[in-house]
Amino acid sequence: MRQTIKNHHQFQTDTDAPLAVTPYFLAKCRPTLFPGDARYGLIVTKKTFKLAVDRNRAKRLIRVWIRECADMMSPDMDYIFIIRGLILRASKPEGVKTMKKALKQLANSELVHNA
């Protein structure tokens, strides 16, 4: 199980960091500070989700999708997910499919970015 990013300053990425855009979330990645022990961070704002129960549900959903696709995540990259409002309408199979697509897109852009 991956560790989570907790400090505000650790969520910041370069403006040219690889980005994957989906209807449910935006995903960014950057090289980890701890090689071999990559982490992920979730950004779920009050502006997007007014009720705490909705923010918590969105976080639970994305964590399930991350666990399902953990093998696709690079151990040398930290991932940051910015959650969008439509996530509350997503089913698990649809979310996992979207997560896999986003992680493939990030892996491809990471290879291009590092070349």
N, C-alpha and C. Protein backbone atom coordinates (compact mmCIF):
# COMPACT_ATOMS: atom_id res chain seq x y z
N MET A 1 0.84 -1.19 0.00
CA MET A 1 0.00 0.00 0.00
C MET A 1 0.87 1.24 0.00
N ARG A 2 0.57 2.15 -0.87
CA ARG A 2 1.33 3.40 -0.97
C ARG A 2 1.02 4.32 0.20
N GLN A 3 2.01 5.11 0.56
CA GLN A 3 1.82 6.15 1.56
C GLN A 3 1.13 7.35 0.90
N THR A 4 0.60 8.24 1.73
CA THR A 4 -0.08 9.42 1.19
C THR A 4 0.76 10.67 1.43
N ILE A 5 0.56 11.62 0.55
CA ILE A 5 1.20 12.93 0.71
C ILE A 5 0.31 13.73 1.65
N LYS A 6 0.92 14.33 2.67
CA LYS A 6 0.12 15.02 3.68
C LYS A 6 0.42 16.51 3.77
N ASN A 7 1.63 16.93 3.46
CA ASN A 7 2.01 18.34 3.62
C ASN A 7 1.68 19.15 2.38
N HIS A 8 1.19 20.35 2.60
CA HIS A 8 0.76 21.23 1.52
C HIS A 8 1.86 21.46 0.47
N HIS A 9 3.06 21.73 0.91
CA HIS A 9 4.13 22.04 -0.04
C HIS A 9 4.53 20.83 -0.89
N GLN A 10 4.22 19.64 -0.45
CA GLN A 10 4.57 18.44 -1.22
C GLN A 10 3.57 18.17 -2.35
N PHE A 11 2.47 18.89 -2.39
CA PHE A 11 1.49 18.74 -3.46
C PHE A 11 1.88 19.54 -4.71
N GLN A 12 2.79 20.46 -4.58
CA GLN A 12 3.16 21.32 -5.69
C GLN A 12 3.97 20.56 -6.72
N THR A 13 3.64 20.81 -8.01
CA THR A 13 4.36 20.19 -9.11
C THR A 13 4.81 21.28 -10.08
N ASP A 14 5.66 20.91 -10.99
CA ASP A 14 6.08 21.84 -12.04
C ASP A 14 4.91 22.11 -12.96
N THR A 15 4.97 23.25 -13.63
CA THR A 15 3.91 23.59 -14.57
C THR A 15 3.93 22.67 -15.79
N ASP A 16 5.08 22.07 -16.08
CA ASP A 16 5.17 21.17 -17.23
C ASP A 16 5.10 19.69 -16.81
N ALA A 17 4.60 19.43 -15.60
CA ALA A 17 4.45 18.05 -15.12
C ALA A 17 3.40 17.32 -15.96
N PRO A 18 3.60 16.03 -16.20
CA PRO A 18 2.60 15.26 -16.96
C PRO A 18 1.23 15.34 -16.30
N LEU A 19 0.20 15.48 -17.14
CA LEU A 19 -1.17 15.66 -16.65
C LEU A 19 -2.11 14.76 -17.44
N ALA A 20 -3.00 14.07 -16.73
CA ALA A 20 -4.06 13.29 -17.37
C ALA A 20 -5.39 13.87 -16.91
N VAL A 21 -6.25 14.18 -17.87
CA VAL A 21 -7.55 14.79 -17.57
C VAL A 21 -8.64 13.76 -17.85
N THR A 22 -9.49 13.51 -16.85
CA THR A 22 -10.63 12.61 -17.00
C THR A 22 -11.87 13.34 -16.50
N PRO A 23 -13.06 12.79 -16.74
CA PRO A 23 -14.27 13.44 -16.21
C PRO A 23 -14.33 13.41 -14.68
N TYR A 24 -13.62 12.48 -14.05
CA TYR A 24 -13.72 12.29 -12.61
C TYR A 24 -12.58 12.90 -11.81
N PHE A 25 -11.44 13.08 -12.42
CA PHE A 25 -10.28 13.62 -11.72
C PHE A 25 -9.23 14.10 -12.71
N LEU A 26 -8.33 14.94 -12.20
CA LEU A 26 -7.11 15.30 -12.92
C LEU A 26 -5.99 14.58 -12.20
N ALA A 27 -5.05 14.04 -12.94
CA ALA A 27 -3.93 13.32 -12.32
C ALA A 27 -2.63 13.93 -12.80
N LYS A 28 -1.74 14.19 -11.85
CA LYS A 28 -0.40 14.69 -12.15
C LYS A 28 0.60 13.72 -11.52
N CYS A 29 1.78 13.68 -12.09
CA CYS A 29 2.83 12.88 -11.47
C CYS A 29 4.14 13.65 -11.49
N ARG A 30 5.01 13.29 -10.57
CA ARG A 30 6.32 13.91 -10.48
C ARG A 30 7.26 12.89 -9.85
N PRO A 31 8.56 13.05 -10.06
CA PRO A 31 9.49 12.11 -9.43
C PRO A 31 9.37 12.17 -7.91
N THR A 32 9.44 11.00 -7.29
CA THR A 32 9.26 10.93 -5.84
C THR A 32 10.49 11.43 -5.10
N LEU A 33 10.29 11.87 -3.89
CA LEU A 33 11.39 12.28 -3.03
C LEU A 33 12.03 11.07 -2.37
N PHE A 34 11.30 9.96 -2.34
CA PHE A 34 11.75 8.73 -1.70
C PHE A 34 11.72 7.58 -2.70
N PRO A 35 12.77 7.37 -3.49
CA PRO A 35 12.76 6.32 -4.52
C PRO A 35 12.38 4.96 -3.94
N GLY A 36 11.50 4.27 -4.64
CA GLY A 36 11.04 2.96 -4.19
C GLY A 36 9.87 3.03 -3.23
N ASP A 37 9.57 4.22 -2.72
CA ASP A 37 8.47 4.38 -1.76
C ASP A 37 7.59 5.55 -2.23
N ALA A 38 7.04 5.41 -3.43
CA ALA A 38 6.23 6.48 -4.00
C ALA A 38 4.94 6.67 -3.23
N ARG A 39 4.37 7.86 -3.36
CA ARG A 39 3.15 8.20 -2.62
C ARG A 39 2.10 8.76 -3.55
N TYR A 40 0.90 8.97 -3.00
CA TYR A 40 -0.15 9.65 -3.75
C TYR A 40 -0.82 10.66 -2.84
N GLY A 41 -1.41 11.68 -3.45
CA GLY A 41 -2.12 12.71 -2.70
C GLY A 41 -3.46 12.99 -3.34
N LEU A 42 -4.44 13.31 -2.51
CA LEU A 42 -5.78 13.61 -2.99
C LEU A 42 -6.13 15.05 -2.66
N ILE A 43 -6.68 15.75 -3.65
CA ILE A 43 -7.16 17.10 -3.43
C ILE A 43 -8.67 17.08 -3.66
N VAL A 44 -9.41 17.28 -2.57
CA VAL A 44 -10.87 17.28 -2.61
C VAL A 44 -11.32 18.57 -1.93
N THR A 45 -11.80 19.53 -2.70
CA THR A 45 -12.06 20.86 -2.16
C THR A 45 -13.51 21.06 -1.72
N LYS A 46 -13.68 21.99 -0.79
CA LYS A 46 -15.02 22.38 -0.35
C LYS A 46 -15.78 23.11 -1.45
N LYS A 47 -15.04 23.76 -2.33
CA LYS A 47 -15.68 24.46 -3.43
C LYS A 47 -16.39 23.47 -4.36
N THR A 48 -15.79 22.30 -4.58
CA THR A 48 -16.37 21.28 -5.44
C THR A 48 -17.43 20.46 -4.71
N PHE A 49 -17.14 20.10 -3.46
CA PHE A 49 -18.04 19.26 -2.66
C PHE A 49 -18.40 20.03 -1.39
N LYS A 50 -19.60 20.59 -1.35
CA LYS A 50 -20.01 21.42 -0.21
C LYS A 50 -20.13 20.62 1.09
N LEU A 51 -20.62 19.39 0.98
CA LEU A 51 -20.85 18.56 2.17
C LEU A 51 -19.67 17.64 2.45
N ALA A 52 -19.32 17.51 3.72
CA ALA A 52 -18.22 16.64 4.12
C ALA A 52 -18.49 15.19 3.72
N VAL A 53 -19.74 14.77 3.78
CA VAL A 53 -20.07 13.39 3.42
C VAL A 53 -19.73 13.13 1.95
N ASP A 54 -19.92 14.12 1.08
CA ASP A 54 -19.57 13.98 -0.33
C ASP A 54 -18.05 13.96 -0.53
N ARG A 55 -17.34 14.81 0.20
CA ARG A 55 -15.88 14.81 0.11
C ARG A 55 -15.32 13.47 0.55
N ASN A 56 -15.84 12.94 1.64
CA ASN A 56 -15.36 11.65 2.14
C ASN A 56 -15.68 10.51 1.18
N ARG A 57 -16.86 10.54 0.58
CA ARG A 57 -17.24 9.50 -0.39
C ARG A 57 -16.35 9.56 -1.62
N ALA A 58 -16.05 10.76 -2.08
CA ALA A 58 -15.16 10.92 -3.24
C ALA A 58 -13.78 10.35 -2.94
N LYS A 59 -13.26 10.60 -1.73
CA LYS A 59 -11.95 10.07 -1.36
C LYS A 59 -11.98 8.55 -1.27
N ARG A 60 -13.05 7.99 -0.73
CA ARG A 60 -13.17 6.53 -0.67
C ARG A 60 -13.17 5.91 -2.06
N LEU A 61 -13.94 6.52 -2.97
CA LEU A 61 -14.01 5.99 -4.33
C LEU A 61 -12.65 6.00 -5.01
N ILE A 62 -11.95 7.11 -4.94
CA ILE A 62 -10.66 7.21 -5.63
C ILE A 62 -9.64 6.27 -5.01
N ARG A 63 -9.69 6.07 -3.70
CA ARG A 63 -8.76 5.13 -3.05
C ARG A 63 -9.00 3.70 -3.52
N VAL A 64 -10.26 3.33 -3.72
CA VAL A 64 -10.57 1.99 -4.24
C VAL A 64 -9.98 1.85 -5.64
N TRP A 65 -10.15 2.85 -6.46
CA TRP A 65 -9.62 2.80 -7.83
C TRP A 65 -8.10 2.73 -7.82
N ILE A 66 -7.47 3.46 -6.91
CA ILE A 66 -6.01 3.42 -6.80
C ILE A 66 -5.54 2.04 -6.40
N ARG A 67 -6.21 1.41 -5.44
CA ARG A 67 -5.84 0.05 -5.03
C ARG A 67 -5.99 -0.94 -6.18
N GLU A 68 -7.04 -0.79 -6.96
CA GLU A 68 -7.27 -1.70 -8.10
C GLU A 68 -6.18 -1.56 -9.16
N CYS A 69 -5.61 -0.38 -9.30
CA CYS A 69 -4.64 -0.11 -10.37
C CYS A 69 -3.23 0.12 -9.83
N ALA A 70 -2.96 -0.28 -8.61
CA ALA A 70 -1.67 -0.02 -7.98
C ALA A 70 -0.50 -0.59 -8.77
N ASP A 71 -0.70 -1.70 -9.44
CA ASP A 71 0.38 -2.32 -10.20
C ASP A 71 0.80 -1.49 -11.42
N MET A 72 -0.05 -0.58 -11.84
CA MET A 72 0.25 0.27 -13.00
C MET A 72 1.00 1.55 -12.60
N MET A 73 1.10 1.80 -11.31
CA MET A 73 1.73 3.03 -10.83
C MET A 73 3.24 2.80 -10.67
N SER A 74 4.02 3.73 -11.19
CA SER A 74 5.47 3.63 -11.12
C SER A 74 5.95 3.82 -9.68
N PRO A 75 6.89 2.98 -9.22
CA PRO A 75 7.39 3.13 -7.85
C PRO A 75 8.30 4.35 -7.67
N ASP A 76 8.66 5.00 -8.78
CA ASP A 76 9.53 6.17 -8.70
C ASP A 76 8.79 7.49 -8.91
N MET A 77 7.46 7.43 -8.91
CA MET A 77 6.67 8.64 -9.15
C MET A 77 5.65 8.84 -8.03
N ASP A 78 5.47 10.11 -7.65
CA ASP A 78 4.37 10.49 -6.75
C ASP A 78 3.21 10.92 -7.64
N TYR A 79 1.99 10.57 -7.24
CA TYR A 79 0.81 10.91 -8.02
C TYR A 79 -0.07 11.84 -7.20
N ILE A 80 -0.62 12.84 -7.86
CA ILE A 80 -1.54 13.79 -7.22
C ILE A 80 -2.84 13.77 -8.01
N PHE A 81 -3.94 13.51 -7.31
CA PHE A 81 -5.26 13.43 -7.93
C PHE A 81 -6.11 14.59 -7.44
N ILE A 82 -6.62 15.38 -8.39
CA ILE A 82 -7.52 16.49 -8.08
C ILE A 82 -8.92 16.02 -8.47
N ILE A 83 -9.77 15.83 -7.47
CA ILE A 83 -11.06 15.19 -7.67
C ILE A 83 -12.09 16.18 -8.22
N ARG A 84 -12.88 15.71 -9.19
CA ARG A 84 -13.95 16.51 -9.80
C ARG A 84 -15.31 15.99 -9.32
N GLY A 85 -16.32 16.82 -9.45
CA GLY A 85 -17.66 16.54 -8.93
C GLY A 85 -18.34 15.31 -9.52
N LEU A 86 -18.07 14.98 -10.77
CA LEU A 86 -18.73 13.84 -11.40
C LEU A 86 -18.35 12.50 -10.82
N ILE A 87 -17.33 12.46 -9.97
CA ILE A 87 -16.89 11.19 -9.40
C ILE A 87 -18.01 10.52 -8.59
N LEU A 88 -18.90 11.32 -8.02
CA LEU A 88 -19.97 10.76 -7.20
C LEU A 88 -20.98 9.96 -8.03
N ARG A 89 -20.99 10.16 -9.34
CA ARG A 89 -21.92 9.43 -10.21
C ARG A 89 -21.28 8.22 -10.88
N ALA A 90 -20.00 7.98 -10.64
CA ALA A 90 -19.27 6.91 -11.32
C ALA A 90 -19.47 5.56 -10.64
N SER A 91 -19.52 4.52 -11.46
CA SER A 91 -19.55 3.15 -10.92
C SER A 91 -18.12 2.67 -10.75
N LYS A 92 -17.94 1.60 -9.98
CA LYS A 92 -16.60 1.08 -9.75
C LYS A 92 -15.92 0.62 -11.04
N PRO A 93 -16.58 -0.20 -11.89
CA PRO A 93 -15.90 -0.63 -13.11
C PRO A 93 -15.53 0.55 -14.04
N GLU A 94 -16.41 1.52 -14.12
CA GLU A 94 -16.15 2.70 -14.95
C GLU A 94 -14.98 3.50 -14.39
N GLY A 95 -14.92 3.62 -13.07
CA GLY A 95 -13.84 4.36 -12.42
C GLY A 95 -12.49 3.68 -12.57
N VAL A 96 -12.48 2.36 -12.42
CA VAL A 96 -11.23 1.61 -12.58
C VAL A 96 -10.73 1.72 -14.01
N LYS A 97 -11.64 1.63 -14.96
CA LYS A 97 -11.28 1.77 -16.38
C LYS A 97 -10.68 3.15 -16.64
N THR A 98 -11.29 4.18 -16.08
CA THR A 98 -10.79 5.55 -16.24
C THR A 98 -9.43 5.72 -15.59
N MET A 99 -9.25 5.12 -14.41
CA MET A 99 -7.97 5.21 -13.70
C MET A 99 -6.86 4.55 -14.52
N LYS A 100 -7.14 3.38 -15.08
CA LYS A 100 -6.14 2.69 -15.89
C LYS A 100 -5.75 3.53 -17.10
N LYS A 101 -6.73 4.13 -17.74
CA LYS A 101 -6.47 4.97 -18.91
C LYS A 101 -5.60 6.17 -18.52
N ALA A 102 -5.91 6.79 -17.40
CA ALA A 102 -5.15 7.96 -16.94
C ALA A 102 -3.71 7.58 -16.58
N LEU A 103 -3.53 6.44 -15.92
CA LEU A 103 -2.18 6.01 -15.54
C LEU A 103 -1.35 5.66 -16.77
N LYS A 104 -1.98 5.06 -17.79
CA LYS A 104 -1.27 4.79 -19.04
C LYS A 104 -0.85 6.09 -19.71
N GLN A 105 -1.75 7.06 -19.71
CA GLN A 105 -1.45 8.36 -20.31
C GLN A 105 -0.29 9.03 -19.58
N LEU A 106 -0.28 8.97 -18.24
CA LEU A 106 0.81 9.56 -17.47
C LEU A 106 2.12 8.83 -17.73
N ALA A 107 2.08 7.51 -17.83
CA ALA A 107 3.29 6.74 -18.08
C ALA A 107 3.87 7.09 -19.45
N ASN A 108 3.01 7.24 -20.44
CA ASN A 108 3.48 7.60 -21.79
C ASN A 108 4.04 9.01 -21.82
N SER A 109 3.36 9.94 -21.17
CA SER A 109 3.86 11.33 -21.18
C SER A 109 5.12 11.46 -20.33
N GLU A 110 5.26 10.62 -19.31
CA GLU A 110 6.46 10.62 -18.48
C GLU A 110 7.66 10.16 -19.32
N LEU A 111 7.46 9.13 -20.15
CA LEU A 111 8.54 8.65 -21.00
C LEU A 111 8.95 9.72 -22.00
N VAL A 112 7.99 10.41 -22.57
CA VAL A 112 8.27 11.47 -23.54
C VAL A 112 8.94 12.64 -22.82
N HIS A 113 8.45 12.95 -21.61
CA HIS A 113 8.97 14.08 -20.83
C HIS A 113 10.44 13.84 -20.44
N ASN A 114 10.80 12.60 -20.09
CA ASN A 114 12.15 12.29 -19.65
C ASN A 114 13.12 12.09 -20.81
N ALA A 115 12.61 11.93 -22.01
CA ALA A 115 13.50 11.67 -23.17
C ALA A 115 14.19 12.92 -23.66
